[in-house]
N, C-alpha and C. Protein backbone atom coordinates (compact mmCIF):
# COMPACT_ATOMS: atom_id res chain seq x y z
N MET A 1 75.58 164.41 149.34
CA MET A 1 76.30 165.56 148.72
C MET A 1 75.33 166.47 148.43
N GLY A 2 75.13 168.10 148.91
CA GLY A 2 74.62 168.92 148.91
C GLY A 2 75.27 169.77 148.60
N ILE A 3 74.30 171.41 147.99
CA ILE A 3 74.72 172.15 147.10
C ILE A 3 74.43 173.61 148.37
N ASP A 4 75.40 174.18 149.04
CA ASP A 4 75.05 175.37 150.00
C ASP A 4 74.79 176.28 148.61
N LEU A 5 74.80 177.47 149.45
CA LEU A 5 74.50 179.03 148.45
C LEU A 5 75.07 180.14 149.25
N GLN A 6 74.95 181.00 148.51
CA GLN A 6 75.97 182.23 149.97
C GLN A 6 76.04 183.24 148.31
N LEU A 7 75.65 184.38 149.00
CA LEU A 7 75.77 185.40 148.14
C LEU A 7 76.83 186.34 148.76
N HIS A 8 77.56 187.10 147.60
CA HIS A 8 78.27 187.77 148.23
C HIS A 8 78.19 188.67 147.49
N ASN A 9 78.90 190.73 148.39
CA ASN A 9 78.43 191.59 148.02
C ASN A 9 79.65 192.24 146.90
N SER A 10 81.02 191.25 147.13
CA SER A 10 81.98 191.61 146.08
C SER A 10 82.91 190.40 146.16
N ARG A 11 83.51 189.80 144.81
CA ARG A 11 84.61 188.98 144.77
C ARG A 11 84.78 188.41 146.20
N PRO A 12 84.27 186.62 146.21
CA PRO A 12 84.34 186.17 147.23
C PRO A 12 86.10 186.45 147.76
N GLN A 13 86.31 186.30 149.14
CA GLN A 13 87.31 185.72 150.19
C GLN A 13 87.34 184.33 150.28
N TRP A 14 88.43 183.53 149.94
CA TRP A 14 88.40 182.47 150.29
C TRP A 14 89.73 181.83 151.40
N PRO A 15 89.01 181.36 152.26
CA PRO A 15 89.71 180.65 153.61
C PRO A 15 91.26 180.69 153.37
N GLY A 16 92.14 181.31 154.05
CA GLY A 16 93.64 181.32 153.27
C GLY A 16 94.45 181.99 152.50
N ARG A 17 93.80 182.44 152.24
CA ARG A 17 94.27 183.57 151.26
C ARG A 17 94.55 184.51 152.23
N ARG A 18 95.38 185.55 151.88
CA ARG A 18 95.51 186.74 153.12
C ARG A 18 94.58 187.80 151.98
N SER A 19 94.16 189.00 152.73
CA SER A 19 93.38 190.10 152.41
C SER A 19 93.13 191.27 152.82
N ARG A 20 93.16 192.39 152.67
CA ARG A 20 93.26 193.39 153.60
C ARG A 20 91.16 193.49 153.16
N ARG A 21 91.18 193.07 152.17
CA ARG A 21 89.47 193.19 152.35
C ARG A 21 88.39 192.87 153.26
N LYS A 22 87.49 193.62 153.21
CA LYS A 22 86.33 192.94 154.49
C LYS A 22 85.27 191.94 154.14
N PRO A 23 84.70 191.71 154.81
CA PRO A 23 84.10 189.96 154.35
C PRO A 23 83.02 190.44 153.45
N THR A 24 82.88 189.54 152.56
CA THR A 24 82.46 189.78 151.64
C THR A 24 80.70 189.44 151.76
N LEU A 25 80.81 188.20 152.67
CA LEU A 25 79.24 187.64 152.76
C LEU A 25 78.41 188.03 152.99
N VAL A 26 77.16 188.12 152.87
CA VAL A 26 76.12 188.80 152.67
C VAL A 26 74.71 187.52 153.59
N ARG A 27 74.57 186.63 152.78
CA ARG A 27 73.72 185.45 153.34
C ARG A 27 73.99 184.20 152.75
N GLN A 28 74.03 183.36 153.05
CA GLN A 28 73.90 181.74 152.95
C GLN A 28 72.72 180.85 153.14
N SER A 29 72.48 180.06 152.31
CA SER A 29 71.54 178.65 152.55
C SER A 29 72.33 177.51 153.07
N HIS A 30 72.14 176.81 153.26
CA HIS A 30 72.14 175.32 154.08
C HIS A 30 70.90 174.59 153.83
N GLU A 31 69.51 175.23 154.02
CA GLU A 31 68.85 174.39 154.45
C GLU A 31 68.25 172.97 152.85
N HIS A 32 68.63 173.70 151.85
CA HIS A 32 68.33 172.77 151.03
C HIS A 32 68.78 172.07 150.18
N GLY A 33 70.28 171.55 150.74
CA GLY A 33 71.34 171.35 149.49
C GLY A 33 71.08 170.19 149.42
N ALA A 34 70.33 168.75 149.49
CA ALA A 34 70.28 167.89 149.26
C ALA A 34 69.74 167.87 147.67
N ALA A 35 68.17 168.88 148.30
CA ALA A 35 67.46 168.24 147.55
C ALA A 35 68.04 169.27 146.03
N LEU A 36 68.57 170.35 146.09
CA LEU A 36 69.34 171.13 144.83
C LEU A 36 70.07 170.56 144.05
N ALA A 37 71.02 169.80 144.73
CA ALA A 37 72.06 169.31 144.12
C ALA A 37 71.48 167.48 143.29
N LYS A 38 70.57 166.98 144.06
CA LYS A 38 69.69 165.84 142.92
C LYS A 38 69.15 167.12 141.76
N LEU A 39 68.97 167.49 141.75
CA LEU A 39 67.73 168.63 140.86
C LEU A 39 68.83 169.40 139.93
N ILE A 40 69.88 169.54 140.48
CA ILE A 40 70.89 170.14 139.44
C ILE A 40 72.05 169.04 138.55
N ALA A 41 71.81 167.74 139.62
CA ALA A 41 72.58 166.85 138.59
C ALA A 41 71.88 166.29 137.32
N GLU A 42 70.20 166.00 137.45
CA GLU A 42 69.14 165.89 136.71
C GLU A 42 69.77 166.84 135.38
N LEU A 43 70.05 168.15 135.14
CA LEU A 43 69.73 168.30 134.52
C LEU A 43 70.74 168.04 133.32
N PRO A 44 69.84 168.20 132.24
CA PRO A 44 70.81 167.88 130.86
C PRO A 44 72.07 168.65 130.68
N THR A 45 72.94 168.31 130.10
CA THR A 45 74.53 168.84 130.11
C THR A 45 75.07 169.48 128.58
N ASN A 46 75.62 170.12 128.52
CA ASN A 46 76.00 171.20 127.01
C ASN A 46 74.93 171.62 126.49
N THR A 47 74.08 172.71 127.54
CA THR A 47 73.36 172.94 126.41
C THR A 47 73.02 174.96 127.17
N SER A 48 72.71 175.01 126.58
CA SER A 48 73.10 176.36 126.59
C SER A 48 72.71 177.54 128.52
N GLY A 49 71.95 176.85 128.61
CA GLY A 49 71.90 176.96 130.25
C GLY A 49 73.38 176.81 131.17
N LYS A 50 72.73 178.06 132.47
CA LYS A 50 74.30 178.16 133.09
C LYS A 50 73.44 177.33 134.35
N LEU A 51 72.68 176.22 134.79
CA LEU A 51 72.56 175.39 136.09
C LEU A 51 73.50 174.02 135.47
N TRP A 52 73.45 174.06 134.58
CA TRP A 52 74.12 172.41 134.44
C TRP A 52 75.81 172.74 134.53
N THR A 53 76.39 173.59 134.41
CA THR A 53 78.02 173.86 134.82
C THR A 53 78.02 173.79 136.04
N VAL A 54 77.14 174.09 137.20
CA VAL A 54 77.29 174.27 138.40
C VAL A 54 77.92 172.69 138.61
N ASP A 55 79.13 172.91 139.69
CA ASP A 55 79.63 171.49 140.48
C ASP A 55 79.48 171.38 141.49
N PRO A 56 78.60 170.04 142.01
CA PRO A 56 78.26 168.84 142.75
C PRO A 56 79.34 168.77 143.82
N TYR A 57 80.43 169.21 143.55
CA TYR A 57 81.58 168.47 144.59
C TYR A 57 82.63 169.46 144.96
N ASN A 58 82.74 170.48 143.89
CA ASN A 58 83.51 172.00 144.04
C ASN A 58 82.26 173.44 144.28
N ASN A 59 83.55 174.09 144.27
CA ASN A 59 82.70 175.76 144.23
C ASN A 59 82.13 176.22 142.75
N THR A 60 81.63 176.30 142.54
CA THR A 60 81.11 176.88 141.10
C THR A 60 80.62 178.83 141.24
N VAL A 61 81.24 179.53 140.77
CA VAL A 61 80.84 180.92 141.11
C VAL A 61 80.00 181.83 140.53
N PHE A 62 78.84 182.22 140.12
CA PHE A 62 78.10 183.12 139.44
C PHE A 62 78.34 184.91 139.38
N ASN A 63 79.23 185.10 138.58
CA ASN A 63 79.03 186.73 138.75
C ASN A 63 77.19 187.14 138.72
N GLU A 64 77.18 188.32 138.37
CA GLU A 64 75.41 189.03 138.14
C GLU A 64 75.06 188.37 137.05
N GLN A 65 75.56 188.57 136.11
CA GLN A 65 75.06 188.36 134.61
C GLN A 65 75.06 186.76 134.21
N GLU A 66 75.69 186.12 135.08
CA GLU A 66 75.66 184.43 134.98
C GLU A 66 74.47 184.10 136.20
N ALA A 67 74.13 184.72 136.84
CA ALA A 67 73.07 184.60 137.82
C ALA A 67 71.71 185.28 137.05
N ALA A 68 71.71 186.59 136.68
CA ALA A 68 70.08 186.54 135.57
C ALA A 68 70.09 185.31 134.07
N ALA A 69 71.02 184.53 133.83
CA ALA A 69 70.93 183.79 132.76
C ALA A 69 70.53 182.82 133.79
N ALA A 70 70.94 182.30 134.36
CA ALA A 70 70.29 181.06 135.36
C ALA A 70 69.12 181.25 135.66
N LEU A 71 68.73 182.61 136.32
CA LEU A 71 67.40 182.55 136.88
C LEU A 71 66.46 182.39 135.89
N ARG A 72 67.02 182.43 134.54
CA ARG A 72 65.70 182.14 132.96
C ARG A 72 65.76 180.44 133.06
N GLU A 73 66.29 179.87 133.48
CA GLU A 73 65.68 178.37 133.90
C GLU A 73 65.11 178.32 135.02
N ILE A 74 64.62 178.71 135.97
CA ILE A 74 63.85 178.32 137.14
C ILE A 74 62.58 178.13 136.47
N PRO A 75 61.74 178.43 135.92
CA PRO A 75 60.48 177.61 135.44
C PRO A 75 60.38 175.77 135.03
N ASP A 76 61.53 175.88 133.88
CA ASP A 76 61.69 174.55 133.60
C ASP A 76 62.47 173.85 134.89
N LEU A 77 63.20 173.93 136.07
CA LEU A 77 63.36 173.36 137.39
C LEU A 77 62.31 173.28 138.18
N LEU A 78 61.42 174.32 138.05
CA LEU A 78 60.09 173.92 138.29
C LEU A 78 58.89 172.84 138.22
N ASP A 79 59.42 172.24 137.41
CA ASP A 79 58.64 171.27 135.83
C ASP A 79 59.17 169.97 136.71
N ARG A 80 60.51 170.31 136.56
CA ARG A 80 60.74 169.07 137.05
C ARG A 80 60.95 168.26 138.79
N CYS A 81 60.26 169.49 139.73
CA CYS A 81 59.88 169.04 140.88
C CYS A 81 59.38 168.26 140.85
N THR A 82 58.70 166.98 141.93
CA THR A 82 58.28 166.07 142.13
C THR A 82 58.16 166.18 143.68
N ASP A 83 58.44 167.12 144.32
CA ASP A 83 57.44 167.08 145.91
C ASP A 83 58.07 168.39 146.94
N ASN A 84 57.30 168.71 147.48
CA ASN A 84 57.48 169.86 148.04
C ASN A 84 59.20 170.19 148.60
N SER A 85 60.12 169.49 148.69
CA SER A 85 61.48 169.59 149.25
C SER A 85 61.95 170.33 147.91
N HIS A 86 61.54 169.76 147.01
CA HIS A 86 62.55 170.14 145.42
C HIS A 86 62.07 171.35 145.40
N ALA A 87 60.55 171.80 144.97
CA ALA A 87 60.02 173.38 145.02
C ALA A 87 60.46 174.19 145.70
N GLU A 88 60.87 173.92 146.71
CA GLU A 88 61.47 174.67 148.32
C GLU A 88 63.04 175.13 147.67
N ALA A 89 63.43 174.09 147.59
CA ALA A 89 64.55 173.92 147.08
C ALA A 89 65.05 175.34 146.00
N ILE A 90 64.11 174.99 145.01
CA ILE A 90 63.92 175.71 143.27
C ILE A 90 63.36 177.35 144.16
N CYS A 91 62.85 177.57 144.54
CA CYS A 91 62.68 179.09 145.16
C CYS A 91 63.22 179.54 146.24
N ASP A 92 64.41 178.80 146.64
CA ASP A 92 65.34 179.36 147.37
C ASP A 92 66.71 179.95 146.50
N LEU A 93 67.08 178.79 145.60
CA LEU A 93 67.56 179.36 144.73
C LEU A 93 67.11 180.19 143.52
N ALA A 94 66.23 180.42 143.16
CA ALA A 94 65.32 181.45 142.56
C ALA A 94 66.02 183.06 143.13
N ALA A 95 65.48 182.59 144.26
CA ALA A 95 65.42 184.40 145.18
C ALA A 95 67.12 184.12 144.99
N TYR A 96 67.88 183.46 145.68
CA TYR A 96 69.66 184.39 145.55
C TYR A 96 69.70 184.47 144.32
N LEU A 97 69.37 183.71 143.08
CA LEU A 97 70.30 184.11 141.53
C LEU A 97 69.82 185.44 141.59
N ASN A 98 68.47 185.51 141.58
CA ASN A 98 67.34 186.93 142.00
C ASN A 98 68.11 188.10 142.18
N ASP A 99 68.25 187.86 143.84
CA ASP A 99 69.18 189.50 144.27
C ASP A 99 70.50 189.53 144.11
N CYS A 100 71.63 188.53 143.56
CA CYS A 100 72.44 188.53 142.94
C CYS A 100 72.56 189.02 141.20
N ALA A 101 71.84 188.80 140.25
CA ALA A 101 71.38 189.83 139.11
C ALA A 101 70.87 190.79 139.35
N THR A 102 70.60 191.18 140.58
CA THR A 102 70.26 192.72 140.75
C THR A 102 71.00 193.99 142.18
N THR A 103 72.31 193.11 141.86
CA THR A 103 73.00 193.61 143.00
C THR A 103 74.61 193.91 142.08
N PRO A 104 74.41 195.02 141.91
CA PRO A 104 75.89 195.25 140.97
C PRO A 104 77.44 194.42 141.19
N GLY A 105 78.08 194.06 141.44
CA GLY A 105 79.07 193.64 141.98
C GLY A 105 79.25 192.15 142.57
N SER A 106 78.08 191.74 142.64
CA SER A 106 77.61 190.81 143.69
C SER A 106 78.37 189.54 142.86
N TYR A 107 77.98 187.95 143.86
CA TYR A 107 78.38 186.92 143.00
C TYR A 107 77.60 186.08 143.83
N LEU A 108 77.36 184.74 143.35
CA LEU A 108 76.40 183.56 144.33
C LEU A 108 77.87 182.94 144.30
N VAL A 109 77.63 181.92 145.29
CA VAL A 109 78.71 180.60 144.87
C VAL A 109 77.97 179.50 145.42
N PHE A 110 78.17 178.38 144.60
CA PHE A 110 77.31 177.31 144.98
C PHE A 110 78.70 176.07 145.61
N VAL A 111 78.29 176.06 147.06
CA VAL A 111 79.41 175.51 147.77
C VAL A 111 79.16 174.05 147.69
N GLY A 112 79.77 173.01 146.82
CA GLY A 112 79.93 172.13 146.67
C GLY A 112 80.17 171.18 147.72
N ASP A 113 79.80 169.37 147.65
CA ASP A 113 80.79 168.93 148.77
C ASP A 113 81.72 168.55 148.60
């Protein structure tokens, strides 16, 4: 199980749907999927945070406002890291959240297995 990250510059297009819009994918990360899934799965549920809502088995989409809210959860996630691979995964997530939060009209997609 893993969670990949995709940053889009506008509402993402999903495969199989016909659209005349240009591709929206800016960049993606597959490197830390397993570590990211583990850390997110261990978050307490039903809190005021956003990251616990990420579904490790389906796609979860955050807009720029949701990414900004989730960015505030990064320090707590870093405190939960038990090794370097976890810390690298959270730093990668933080970079994607920051880019989404600071780019008007962008979306961050968490691609679950």
